[in-house]
Protein backbone atom coordinates (compact mmCIF):
# COMPACT_ATOMS: atom_id res chain seq x y z
CA MET A 1 100.14 151.67 50.34
CA VAL A 2 103.24 149.81 51.73
CA ILE A 3 103.16 146.30 50.10
CA GLY A 4 107.02 145.05 51.26
CA ALA A 5 109.52 146.27 53.27
CA GLY A 6 113.09 144.65 53.66
CA GLY A 7 116.48 145.48 55.37
CA GLY A 8 119.92 144.36 55.84
CA GLY A 9 123.47 145.03 56.52
CA MET A 10 126.73 143.86 56.86
CA ILE A 11 127.76 142.18 60.32
CA GLY A 12 131.39 140.66 59.02
CA GLN A 13 133.89 141.17 56.53
CA THR A 14 132.28 139.03 54.31
CA THR A 15 128.97 138.05 56.11
CA GLY A 16 125.46 139.51 55.04
CA GLU A 17 122.36 139.35 57.25
CA ILE A 18 118.70 140.00 56.48
CA PHE A 19 117.14 141.53 59.39
CA VAL A 20 113.67 142.19 58.57
CA LEU A 21 111.65 141.08 55.54
CA CYS A 22 108.24 141.69 55.56
CA ILE A 23 105.29 141.55 53.26
CA ASP A 24 101.45 142.70 53.21
CA PRO A 25 99.50 139.41 54.14
CA ASN A 26 97.02 139.74 51.24
CA ARG A 27 100.05 140.38 48.81
CA ARG A 28 102.15 136.79 49.27
CA ASN A 29 102.41 134.73 46.62
CA GLU A 30 103.17 137.28 44.12
CA GLY A 31 107.04 137.59 44.23
CA ILE A 32 107.72 140.90 46.57
CA GLY A 33 109.39 139.05 49.15
CA SER A 34 111.82 137.41 46.67
CA MET A 35 112.52 140.98 44.88
CA LEU A 36 113.33 142.48 48.34
CA LEU A 37 115.58 139.52 48.99
CA ASP A 38 117.49 139.90 45.79
CA ALA A 39 117.41 143.55 46.47
CA ILE A 40 119.20 143.37 49.81
CA THR A 41 121.41 140.36 48.45
CA LYS A 42 122.76 142.27 45.42
CA GLN A 43 123.41 145.51 47.64
CA GLN A 44 125.22 142.90 50.22
CA LYS A 45 127.33 141.32 47.26
CA GLN A 46 128.84 144.69 46.13
CA TYR A 47 130.13 144.81 49.70
CA ASP A 48 131.96 141.57 49.07
CA ALA A 49 129.55 139.58 51.17
CA THR A 50 129.94 135.67 50.47
CA GLU A 51 127.52 134.39 52.99
CA GLN A 52 123.94 135.73 54.26
CA TRP A 53 122.23 135.14 57.59
CA VAL A 54 118.57 135.50 58.68
CA SER A 55 116.86 134.68 61.91
CA VAL A 56 113.41 133.16 61.52
CA GLN A 57 111.18 132.59 64.76
CA LYS A 58 110.64 128.43 65.38
CA GLY A 59 107.38 127.65 63.88
CA ASN A 60 106.93 130.57 60.96
CA ASP A 61 105.14 128.42 58.31
CA LYS A 62 105.30 131.18 56.02
CA GLY A 63 109.36 132.35 56.84
CA ILE A 64 111.08 128.98 57.18
CA PRO A 65 109.85 127.40 53.80
CA PHE A 66 110.40 131.22 51.72
CA TYR A 67 113.92 130.67 53.14
CA GLU A 68 114.78 127.38 52.58
CA ALA A 69 113.45 127.49 49.22
CA ARG A 70 116.11 129.93 48.56
CA GLY A 71 118.86 128.10 49.60
CA PHE A 72 119.31 129.20 53.05
CA GLN A 73 119.94 126.04 55.42
CA LEU A 74 119.37 125.66 59.05
CA GLU A 75 122.58 126.08 61.22
CA HIS A 76 121.45 125.98 64.63
CA GLU A 77 118.78 127.20 67.09
CA GLN A 78 119.24 130.00 69.81
CA ASP A 79 117.01 132.14 72.09
CA GLY A 80 115.22 134.68 70.62
CA TYR A 81 116.66 138.11 70.66
CA GLY A 82 114.94 140.32 73.62
CA ASN A 83 113.81 137.29 75.16
CA GLY A 84 112.71 138.24 78.75
CA GLU A 85 113.08 136.29 81.86
CA ASN A 86 109.80 134.50 81.12
CA ASP A 87 110.11 134.30 77.32
CA ALA A 88 110.92 131.10 75.57
CA TYR A 89 110.99 132.28 72.04
CA ILE A 90 113.64 130.29 69.80
CA SER A 91 115.28 131.88 66.86
CA LEU A 92 116.25 129.60 63.81
CA ARG A 93 119.73 130.79 62.41
CA TYR A 94 119.78 130.10 59.04
CA ARG A 95 122.41 130.34 56.19
CA ARG A 96 123.36 130.30 52.76
CA PRO A 97 126.64 130.95 50.83
CA LEU A 98 126.35 133.50 47.95
């Protein structure tokens, strides 16, 4: 049974990005998300990352407080990735120094 998954990568010489971080809703608040984020961060630091970015959908009442509690700060809003002509999803771009 999968209880969580995460992935990230380098989007610049010293810039890491969290691409995905998902936890089984029944297993939240057990530290699983923090462990996954820590593992991704450790790997990105090995590739000389000095900052880390993540996109969170506006209104995500689980993701926003999670990232803010770990030092991410809102930098700006932008249209959601893959928005179609009639879509109005907004991504919040968060950043933290490493």
